[in-house]
């Protein structure tokens, strides 16, 4: 059985030797500087790295350590990097985790404690790799609210929402446009005791200020010109269920006061009405705006925020969800190819590389639009990188020659399979290899005819 590879990046040679001998169950690699560490990363592809931030030429600081962390994660984003430092430990820990480190350990090092962290890192890495493999084979792991994801970042969000669903508290979802806030809100409703009630959604940014109050609270007949009948608002319509307030940051201040009263008293008054109406509705809200800045600027009431944000869930962007872009792209190819009766069956290797290399500023919404267009434009059975029309997008750079060869093999086999309509004998002839060799390659690369 192949031993797991652990890379130790430590400029103290005595401590380096001590750590090397402490990990008998792993193949231990050691580096004393950034250049050596990156060379070993490219050649050996370790799953876990312990990284001392104080590396030469800045052994008394952390600049070289953080530069090494960034380069490791750029080349091999799934690496679990455990950062160790004695320089401003708390500040370094916060920054390291914020920049992608898996864990932090303060010096002086306790070998046993660090050993447990390393063991857990290998375990989590293996679970995530298996999760991605199974999700890719099954076309994506469909979770809460129909969210398709294999990334630890998004799975953490869905687990959090599943935990809070049973508690009757207000939830605020924070995330960029296109990250799936409404899907998660609907998933929260379906996982809650209120699932038999209505799920009512309203986009507060899409409705003019003059109409938003009526949309939320309803109005009585004759309350204003054109009010020809009594109409329930969205809050009443969600009685016994969940009201989703999307882009809640766009609610004007005067209306924020009225919404606050409802949250405090759980009663409403329709426009033009004279009696209070009790309503049992759970509020879930979302915004892509910086709420803290809005509160500081006086554009959002802090007392309303604390009522709405009893639980805050931050949703990662698509760029922060490793592996999910290709996973979702495959799902969208199947969805739109079926809807448009297209012959397209999947993504070419260069398309996968282009998708992995793009930052997706528009998140999942942008990805779906790109894939839908690509399905229309594709000339063969596979969507190519050119069909995606990603300006300046480059595929993820292979980490080493082995990865380059594997990518070339995958591309050649996939293209030959497509040209031969999946026929193994014809595919082998196109590639100039025997059928047994082709079967071995298909198994090795986990490809399917």
Protein backbone atom coordinates (compact mmCIF):
# COMPACT_ATOMS: atom_id res chain seq x y z
CA UNK A 1 0.00 0.00 0.00
CA UNK A 2 1.35 3.45 -0.95
CA UNK A 3 2.25 5.55 2.07
CA UNK A 4 0.63 8.95 2.48
CA UNK A 5 2.99 11.82 1.69
CA UNK A 6 3.57 14.58 4.26
CA UNK A 7 5.65 17.65 3.39
CA UNK A 8 7.34 19.45 6.31
CA UNK A 9 8.45 23.01 5.52
CA UNK A 10 10.71 24.09 8.40
CA UNK A 11 13.99 26.04 8.33
CA UNK A 12 15.11 24.84 11.79
CA UNK A 13 17.02 21.71 10.75
CA UNK A 14 16.95 20.26 14.28
CA UNK A 15 13.17 20.60 14.50
CA UNK A 16 12.90 19.34 10.92
CA UNK A 17 14.74 16.13 11.88
CA UNK A 18 12.59 15.76 15.00
CA UNK A 19 9.40 16.07 12.97
CA UNK A 20 10.70 13.73 10.28
CA UNK A 21 11.26 10.93 12.82
CA UNK A 22 7.94 11.60 14.60
CA UNK A 23 5.83 10.52 11.64
CA UNK A 24 6.62 6.86 11.04
CA UNK A 25 3.33 6.13 9.27
CA UNK A 26 3.93 8.60 6.43
CA UNK A 27 6.41 9.18 3.66
CA UNK A 28 7.96 12.37 5.02
CA UNK A 29 9.41 15.01 2.71
CA UNK A 30 11.29 18.01 4.12
CA UNK A 31 12.12 21.50 2.86
CA UNK A 32 13.82 24.48 4.50
CA UNK A 33 12.72 27.18 2.05
CA UNK A 34 9.98 28.09 -0.40
CA UNK A 35 11.81 27.01 -3.57
CA UNK A 36 12.54 23.51 -2.24
CA UNK A 37 9.01 23.19 -0.88
CA UNK A 38 7.42 24.05 -4.23
CA UNK A 39 9.78 21.71 -6.10
CA UNK A 40 8.75 18.86 -3.78
CA UNK A 41 5.08 19.79 -4.11
CA UNK A 42 5.30 19.57 -7.91
CA UNK A 43 7.28 16.31 -7.88
CA UNK A 44 5.56 14.40 -5.05
CA UNK A 45 2.07 15.99 -4.74
CA UNK A 46 1.72 15.55 -0.95
CA UNK A 47 -1.81 15.77 0.45
CA UNK A 48 -0.79 17.45 3.73
CA UNK A 49 1.85 20.13 4.43
CA UNK A 50 3.06 21.52 7.76
CA UNK A 51 4.37 25.02 7.13
CA UNK A 52 6.48 27.23 9.38
CA UNK A 53 5.72 30.86 8.51
CA UNK A 54 9.20 32.06 9.47
CA UNK A 55 11.17 31.00 6.39
CA UNK A 56 14.32 32.54 4.88
CA UNK A 57 14.91 35.20 3.70
CA UNK A 58 12.41 36.44 6.34
CA UNK A 59 12.96 34.00 9.27
CA UNK A 60 11.91 36.59 11.85
CA UNK A 61 8.72 37.53 9.99
CA UNK A 62 5.87 35.81 8.17
CA UNK A 63 5.97 37.25 4.63
CA UNK A 64 7.85 34.31 3.07
CA UNK A 65 5.63 31.80 4.87
CA UNK A 66 2.45 33.39 3.57
CA UNK A 67 3.91 33.58 0.06
CA UNK A 68 4.64 29.85 0.29
CA UNK A 69 1.09 29.15 1.49
CA UNK A 70 -0.37 31.06 -1.44
CA UNK A 71 1.80 29.24 -3.99
CA UNK A 72 0.98 25.81 -2.54
CA UNK A 73 -2.77 26.47 -2.72
CA UNK A 74 -2.48 27.92 -6.22
CA UNK A 75 -0.71 24.83 -7.53
CA UNK A 76 -2.66 22.22 -5.55
CA UNK A 77 -5.82 23.75 -4.03
CA UNK A 78 -6.92 20.55 -2.26
CA UNK A 79 -3.73 20.45 -0.11
CA UNK A 80 -4.35 20.58 3.64
CA UNK A 81 -1.80 23.12 4.91
CA UNK A 82 -1.19 23.24 8.66
CA UNK A 83 0.55 26.50 9.53
CA UNK A 84 2.79 26.87 12.59
CA UNK A 85 4.21 30.13 13.92
CA UNK A 86 5.31 31.91 17.06
CA UNK A 87 5.15 35.37 15.43
CA UNK A 88 1.99 37.23 16.53
CA UNK A 89 0.18 33.92 16.89
CA UNK A 90 -3.41 35.17 16.99
CA UNK A 91 -3.02 37.57 14.06
CA UNK A 92 -1.11 34.96 12.06
CA UNK A 93 -3.74 32.32 12.79
CA UNK A 94 -6.60 34.53 11.63
CA UNK A 95 -4.75 35.53 8.48
CA UNK A 96 -3.62 31.98 7.70
CA UNK A 97 -7.13 30.53 7.97
CA UNK A 98 -8.49 33.47 5.97
CA UNK A 99 -5.97 32.76 3.18
CA UNK A 100 -6.83 29.07 2.92
CA UNK A 101 -4.79 27.19 5.55
CA UNK A 102 -6.59 24.15 6.94
CA UNK A 103 -5.40 24.60 10.55
CA UNK A 104 -2.97 26.60 12.69
CA UNK A 105 -0.62 25.53 15.47
CA UNK A 106 1.30 27.88 17.77
CA UNK A 107 4.95 27.23 18.56
CA UNK A 108 6.58 25.70 20.56
CA UNK A 109 5.31 22.54 18.89
CA UNK A 110 3.82 19.63 20.84
CA UNK A 111 4.62 16.63 18.61
CA UNK A 112 1.67 14.53 19.84
CA UNK A 113 -0.86 17.32 19.41
CA UNK A 114 0.46 18.23 15.96
CA UNK A 115 0.41 14.54 15.05
CA UNK A 116 -3.32 14.40 15.77
CA UNK A 117 -3.90 17.47 13.57
CA UNK A 118 -1.89 15.89 10.75
CA UNK A 119 -3.80 12.60 11.05
CA UNK A 120 -7.12 14.42 10.93
CA UNK A 121 -5.98 16.43 7.90
CA UNK A 122 -5.18 13.24 5.95
CA UNK A 123 -8.54 11.77 6.97
CA UNK A 124 -10.49 14.84 5.81
CA UNK A 125 -8.48 15.03 2.56
CA UNK A 126 -9.34 11.39 1.78
CA UNK A 127 -13.03 11.93 2.54
CA UNK A 128 -13.20 15.02 0.32
CA UNK A 129 -11.42 13.26 -2.53
CA UNK A 130 -13.81 10.31 -2.32
CA UNK A 131 -16.77 12.68 -2.10
CA UNK A 132 -15.67 14.50 -5.27
CA UNK A 133 -15.09 11.21 -7.09
CA UNK A 134 -18.49 9.76 -6.20
CA UNK A 135 -20.25 13.05 -6.92
CA UNK A 136 -18.60 13.31 -10.33
CA UNK A 137 -19.59 9.73 -11.20
CA UNK A 138 -23.17 10.30 -10.09
CA UNK A 139 -23.39 13.64 -11.86
CA UNK A 140 -23.26 15.64 -8.66
CA UNK A 141 -24.32 15.26 -5.05
CA UNK A 142 -27.73 16.86 -4.73
CA UNK A 143 -28.21 18.18 -1.24
CA UNK A 144 -30.39 20.59 0.69
CA UNK A 145 -32.65 22.66 -1.56
CA UNK A 146 -31.30 20.96 -4.69
CA UNK A 147 -27.79 22.37 -4.16
CA UNK A 148 -25.21 20.39 -6.17
CA UNK A 149 -21.83 20.40 -4.47
CA UNK A 150 -18.86 18.26 -3.50
CA UNK A 151 -16.84 21.05 -1.86
CA UNK A 152 -16.27 21.12 1.88
CA UNK A 153 -17.09 24.85 1.93
CA UNK A 154 -20.61 24.44 0.55
CA UNK A 155 -21.32 21.21 2.41
CA UNK A 156 -20.50 23.07 5.64
CA UNK A 157 -23.13 25.69 4.72
CA UNK A 158 -25.80 23.07 4.03
CA UNK A 159 -25.04 21.25 7.28
CA UNK A 160 -25.36 24.54 9.19
CA UNK A 161 -28.75 25.24 7.59
CA UNK A 162 -29.95 21.71 8.34
CA UNK A 163 -29.04 22.24 12.01
CA UNK A 164 -30.86 25.57 12.35
CA UNK A 165 -33.90 24.54 10.30
CA UNK A 166 -35.63 22.98 13.30
CA UNK A 167 -35.10 26.07 15.49
CA UNK A 168 -37.75 28.74 14.95
CA UNK A 169 -35.29 31.61 14.51
CA UNK A 170 -34.74 34.23 11.83
CA UNK A 171 -31.89 33.44 9.44
CA UNK A 172 -29.85 35.84 7.31
CA UNK A 173 -28.03 34.48 4.25
CA UNK A 174 -25.07 36.59 3.11
CA UNK A 175 -23.48 35.98 -0.26
CA UNK A 176 -22.81 37.38 -3.70
CA UNK A 177 -25.46 37.38 -6.41
CA UNK A 178 -25.87 33.98 -8.03
CA UNK A 179 -24.60 31.84 -5.14
CA UNK A 180 -27.91 30.07 -4.50
CA UNK A 181 -29.43 32.03 -1.63
CA UNK A 182 -33.04 31.31 -2.61
CA UNK A 183 -32.31 27.60 -3.11
CA UNK A 184 -30.84 27.45 0.39
CA UNK A 185 -33.78 29.40 1.85
CA UNK A 186 -36.20 26.95 0.23
CA UNK A 187 -34.12 24.04 1.50
CA UNK A 188 -34.25 25.49 5.03
CA UNK A 189 -38.05 25.72 4.77
CA UNK A 190 -38.37 22.13 3.50
CA UNK A 191 -36.14 20.86 6.34
CA UNK A 192 -38.12 22.74 9.02
CA UNK A 193 -41.31 21.86 10.93
CA UNK A 194 -43.02 24.54 8.77
CA UNK A 195 -42.58 22.52 5.57
CA UNK A 196 -46.35 21.97 5.23
CA UNK A 197 -46.89 25.75 5.18
CA UNK A 198 -46.24 28.05 2.24
CA UNK A 199 -42.82 29.22 1.13
CA UNK A 200 -43.29 32.80 -0.10
CA UNK A 201 -40.42 34.71 -1.72
CA UNK A 202 -40.18 38.41 -2.53
CA UNK A 203 -37.28 40.33 -4.07
CA UNK A 204 -37.25 43.64 -2.24
CA UNK A 205 -34.95 45.23 -4.86
CA UNK A 206 -37.29 44.43 -7.76
CA UNK A 207 -40.35 46.27 -6.39
CA UNK A 208 -40.66 50.08 -6.34
CA UNK A 209 -40.60 51.64 -2.86
CA UNK A 210 -44.17 52.93 -3.29
CA UNK A 211 -45.47 49.38 -3.83
CA UNK A 212 -43.23 47.41 -1.48
CA UNK A 213 -45.26 48.18 1.66
CA UNK A 214 -48.46 46.94 0.00
CA UNK A 215 -46.67 43.82 -1.28
CA UNK A 216 -45.45 42.97 2.22
CA UNK A 217 -48.35 44.02 4.42
CA UNK A 218 -51.32 44.00 2.05
CA UNK A 219 -54.04 46.64 1.81
CA UNK A 220 -57.74 47.16 2.44
CA UNK A 221 -60.23 47.97 -0.28
CA UNK A 222 -60.19 51.71 -1.01
CA UNK A 223 -56.91 52.31 0.84
CA UNK A 224 -55.55 54.13 -2.22
CA UNK A 225 -56.43 54.76 -5.84
CA UNK A 226 -56.68 51.42 -7.62
CA UNK A 227 -57.22 49.38 -4.43
CA UNK A 228 -60.46 47.82 -5.66
CA UNK A 229 -60.37 44.87 -3.24
CA UNK A 230 -58.77 43.81 0.03
CA UNK A 231 -55.48 42.04 -0.66
CA UNK A 232 -53.27 39.97 1.62
CA UNK A 233 -49.58 40.83 1.71
CA UNK A 234 -46.71 38.38 1.44
CA UNK A 235 -46.35 38.19 5.24
CA UNK A 236 -49.94 36.96 5.60
CA UNK A 237 -49.59 34.59 2.66
CA UNK A 238 -46.70 32.90 4.48
CA UNK A 239 -48.86 32.21 7.57
CA UNK A 240 -47.60 28.98 9.16
CA UNK A 241 -44.73 28.85 6.68
CA UNK A 242 -41.64 30.83 5.66
CA UNK A 243 -41.23 34.29 4.13
CA UNK A 244 -38.03 34.79 2.15
CA UNK A 245 -36.98 38.43 1.87
CA UNK A 246 -34.38 38.56 -0.89
CA UNK A 247 -32.18 41.69 -1.08
CA UNK A 248 -33.47 42.84 2.30
CA UNK A 249 -30.86 45.62 2.26
CA UNK A 250 -32.99 47.47 -0.30
CA UNK A 251 -35.94 47.98 2.06
CA UNK A 252 -36.32 51.75 2.67
CA UNK A 253 -35.85 53.05 6.22
CA UNK A 254 -39.52 53.99 6.88
CA UNK A 255 -40.61 50.47 5.95
CA UNK A 256 -37.83 48.98 8.08
CA UNK A 257 -39.59 50.45 11.13
CA UNK A 258 -42.86 48.71 10.23
CA UNK A 259 -41.08 45.41 9.57
CA UNK A 260 -39.32 45.69 12.93
CA UNK A 261 -42.68 46.10 14.68
CA UNK A 262 -43.96 42.93 13.02
CA UNK A 263 -40.87 40.99 14.13
CA UNK A 264 -41.30 42.23 17.70
CA UNK A 265 -45.07 41.92 18.05
CA UNK A 266 -45.89 39.29 15.39
CA UNK A 267 -48.88 41.35 14.25
CA UNK A 268 -49.42 43.44 11.13
CA UNK A 269 -51.77 46.15 9.92
CA UNK A 270 -52.73 46.29 6.27
CA UNK A 271 -52.50 49.66 4.52
CA UNK A 272 -55.79 51.42 5.22
CA UNK A 273 -56.68 48.93 7.95
CA UNK A 274 -57.55 49.67 11.56
CA UNK A 275 -57.12 46.31 13.22
CA UNK A 276 -54.05 44.24 13.97
CA UNK A 277 -53.73 40.79 12.44
CA UNK A 278 -51.62 38.15 14.22
CA UNK A 279 -49.31 36.28 11.84
CA UNK A 280 -47.09 33.26 12.56
CA UNK A 281 -44.42 33.48 9.85
CA UNK A 282 -40.74 32.59 9.93
CA UNK A 283 -38.45 35.13 8.27
CA UNK A 284 -35.43 34.12 6.19
CA UNK A 285 -33.66 37.00 4.45
CA UNK A 286 -30.70 37.46 2.15
CA UNK A 287 -28.53 40.21 0.73
CA UNK A 288 -25.34 40.57 -1.29
CA UNK A 289 -24.58 43.94 0.33
CA UNK A 290 -22.21 44.65 3.24
CA UNK A 291 -24.73 45.01 6.07
CA UNK A 292 -22.15 46.28 8.57
CA UNK A 293 -21.31 49.19 6.23
CA UNK A 294 -25.00 49.93 5.69
CA UNK A 295 -25.58 50.09 9.45
CA UNK A 296 -22.56 52.37 9.92
CA UNK A 297 -23.87 54.64 7.13
CA UNK A 298 -27.35 54.77 8.66
CA UNK A 299 -28.97 52.97 5.71
CA UNK A 300 -30.02 49.93 7.71
CA UNK A 301 -31.38 49.87 11.27
CA UNK A 302 -29.19 47.94 13.68
CA UNK A 303 -32.20 46.86 15.78
CA UNK A 304 -33.81 45.36 12.67
CA UNK A 305 -30.56 43.62 11.78
CA UNK A 306 -30.39 41.90 15.17
CA UNK A 307 -33.99 40.71 14.75
CA UNK A 308 -33.36 39.37 11.25
CA UNK A 309 -29.90 37.95 11.88
CA UNK A 310 -30.41 35.63 14.83
CA UNK A 311 -28.43 33.16 12.74
CA UNK A 312 -26.08 34.41 9.99
CA UNK A 313 -24.91 32.04 7.27
CA UNK A 314 -22.22 33.20 4.83
CA UNK A 315 -22.38 31.52 1.42
CA UNK A 316 -19.10 31.01 -0.46
CA UNK A 317 -18.72 32.21 -4.03
CA UNK A 318 -18.30 29.60 -6.76
CA UNK A 319 -14.56 30.44 -6.91
CA UNK A 320 -14.33 29.42 -3.23
CA UNK A 321 -15.86 25.98 -3.91
CA UNK A 322 -13.05 23.78 -5.34
CA UNK A 323 -14.29 21.32 -7.95
CA UNK A 324 -17.89 22.52 -7.94
CA UNK A 325 -17.70 24.54 -11.17
CA UNK A 326 -17.06 21.46 -13.34
CA UNK A 327 -19.55 19.42 -11.30
CA UNK A 328 -22.27 22.02 -11.87
CA UNK A 329 -21.29 22.47 -15.52
CA UNK A 330 -21.86 18.76 -16.17
CA UNK A 331 -25.27 19.03 -14.52
CA UNK A 332 -26.22 22.06 -16.64
CA UNK A 333 -25.02 20.36 -19.84
CA UNK A 334 -27.33 17.41 -19.16
CA UNK A 335 -30.21 19.71 -18.18
CA UNK A 336 -30.06 22.02 -21.19
CA UNK A 337 -29.15 19.32 -23.71
CA UNK A 338 -32.29 17.43 -22.67
CA UNK A 339 -34.47 20.56 -22.76
CA UNK A 340 -33.21 21.56 -26.22
CA UNK A 341 -33.06 17.98 -27.62
CA UNK A 342 -29.34 18.48 -28.28
CA UNK A 343 -26.86 15.70 -29.08
CA UNK A 344 -24.34 17.18 -26.62
CA UNK A 345 -23.39 14.64 -23.95
CA UNK A 346 -20.65 16.27 -21.90
CA UNK A 347 -17.58 18.48 -21.57
CA UNK A 348 -14.27 18.13 -23.37
CA UNK A 349 -11.06 18.17 -21.27
CA UNK A 350 -10.17 21.67 -22.51
CA UNK A 351 -13.64 22.88 -21.50
CA UNK A 352 -13.14 21.44 -18.00
CA UNK A 353 -9.76 23.17 -17.77
CA UNK A 354 -11.27 26.48 -18.92
CA UNK A 355 -14.08 26.18 -16.36
CA UNK A 356 -11.59 25.40 -13.58
CA UNK A 357 -9.44 28.37 -14.60
CA UNK A 358 -12.22 30.98 -14.70
CA UNK A 359 -13.07 33.02 -11.58
CA UNK A 360 -16.87 33.09 -12.20
CA UNK A 361 -17.67 36.61 -10.92
CA UNK A 362 -21.34 35.92 -11.66
CA UNK A 363 -21.20 32.65 -9.73
CA UNK A 364 -23.60 29.78 -10.54
CA UNK A 365 -25.93 32.02 -12.54
CA UNK A 366 -23.08 33.01 -14.88
CA UNK A 367 -21.94 29.39 -15.16
CA UNK A 368 -25.40 28.17 -16.17
CA UNK A 369 -25.76 30.92 -18.78
CA UNK A 370 -22.34 30.08 -20.26
CA UNK A 371 -23.11 26.37 -20.38
CA UNK A 372 -26.55 26.92 -21.92
CA UNK A 373 -24.96 29.00 -24.68
CA UNK A 374 -22.23 26.39 -25.16
CA UNK A 375 -24.78 23.58 -25.59
CA UNK A 376 -26.38 25.63 -28.38
CA UNK A 377 -23.04 26.45 -30.06
CA UNK A 378 -21.33 23.05 -29.73
CA UNK A 379 -20.72 21.31 -33.05
CA UNK A 380 -19.90 17.86 -31.66
CA UNK A 381 -21.03 15.71 -28.78
CA UNK A 382 -18.76 17.48 -26.32
CA UNK A 383 -18.77 21.15 -25.32
CA UNK A 384 -15.35 22.62 -26.12
CA UNK A 385 -13.58 25.52 -24.39
CA UNK A 386 -14.26 27.76 -27.39
CA UNK A 387 -18.02 27.15 -27.03
CA UNK A 388 -17.95 28.65 -23.54
CA UNK A 389 -16.65 32.00 -24.87
CA UNK A 390 -14.65 32.80 -21.74
CA UNK A 391 -12.49 35.86 -22.58
CA UNK A 392 -8.87 35.29 -21.61
CA UNK A 393 -9.70 32.20 -19.59
CA UNK A 394 -6.85 29.76 -19.22
CA UNK A 395 -6.99 26.24 -17.94
CA UNK A 396 -5.54 25.39 -14.56
CA UNK A 397 -1.80 24.87 -14.91
CA UNK A 398 -0.75 21.23 -14.42
CA UNK A 399 1.34 20.74 -11.31
CA UNK A 400 3.98 18.52 -13.01
CA UNK A 401 4.82 16.42 -16.08
CA UNK A 402 2.77 13.47 -14.80
CA UNK A 403 -0.31 15.70 -14.64
CA UNK A 404 0.39 17.04 -18.15
CA UNK A 405 0.63 13.49 -19.51
CA UNK A 406 -2.55 12.46 -17.73
CA UNK A 407 -4.42 15.47 -19.11
CA UNK A 408 -3.17 14.64 -22.62
CA UNK A 409 -4.19 10.98 -22.25
CA UNK A 410 -7.63 11.94 -20.96
CA UNK A 411 -8.13 14.39 -23.82
CA UNK A 412 -7.05 11.89 -26.48
CA UNK A 413 -9.18 9.07 -25.05
CA UNK A 414 -12.25 11.26 -24.57
CA UNK A 415 -11.99 12.66 -28.10
CA UNK A 416 -11.50 9.18 -29.59
CA UNK A 417 -14.47 7.82 -27.62
CA UNK A 418 -16.61 10.66 -28.90
CA UNK A 419 -15.53 10.07 -32.52
CA UNK A 420 -16.17 6.32 -32.18
CA UNK A 421 -19.55 6.82 -30.44
CA UNK A 422 -18.25 4.89 -27.43
CA UNK A 423 -17.25 1.78 -29.39
CA UNK A 424 -14.20 0.31 -27.63
CA UNK A 425 -12.71 -1.49 -30.67
CA UNK A 426 -12.96 1.59 -32.90
CA UNK A 427 -11.62 3.83 -30.12
CA UNK A 428 -8.58 1.56 -29.67
CA UNK A 429 -7.94 1.66 -33.43
CA UNK A 430 -8.12 5.47 -33.48
CA UNK A 431 -5.62 5.63 -30.62
CA UNK A 432 -3.34 2.96 -32.10
CA UNK A 433 -3.45 0.77 -28.98
CA UNK A 434 -4.88 -2.63 -28.07
CA UNK A 435 -8.28 -3.07 -26.42
CA UNK A 436 -6.74 -4.40 -23.16
CA UNK A 437 -4.49 -1.34 -23.00
CA UNK A 438 -7.49 0.92 -23.56
CA UNK A 439 -9.44 -0.88 -20.82
CA UNK A 440 -6.50 -0.37 -18.44
CA UNK A 441 -6.36 3.36 -19.28
CA UNK A 442 -10.14 3.75 -18.84
CA UNK A 443 -9.89 2.11 -15.42
CA UNK A 444 -6.81 4.10 -14.44
CA UNK A 445 -8.38 7.45 -15.33
CA UNK A 446 -11.89 6.48 -14.15
CA UNK A 447 -13.35 7.16 -17.60
CA UNK A 448 -16.47 5.54 -19.01
CA UNK A 449 -17.21 4.51 -22.57
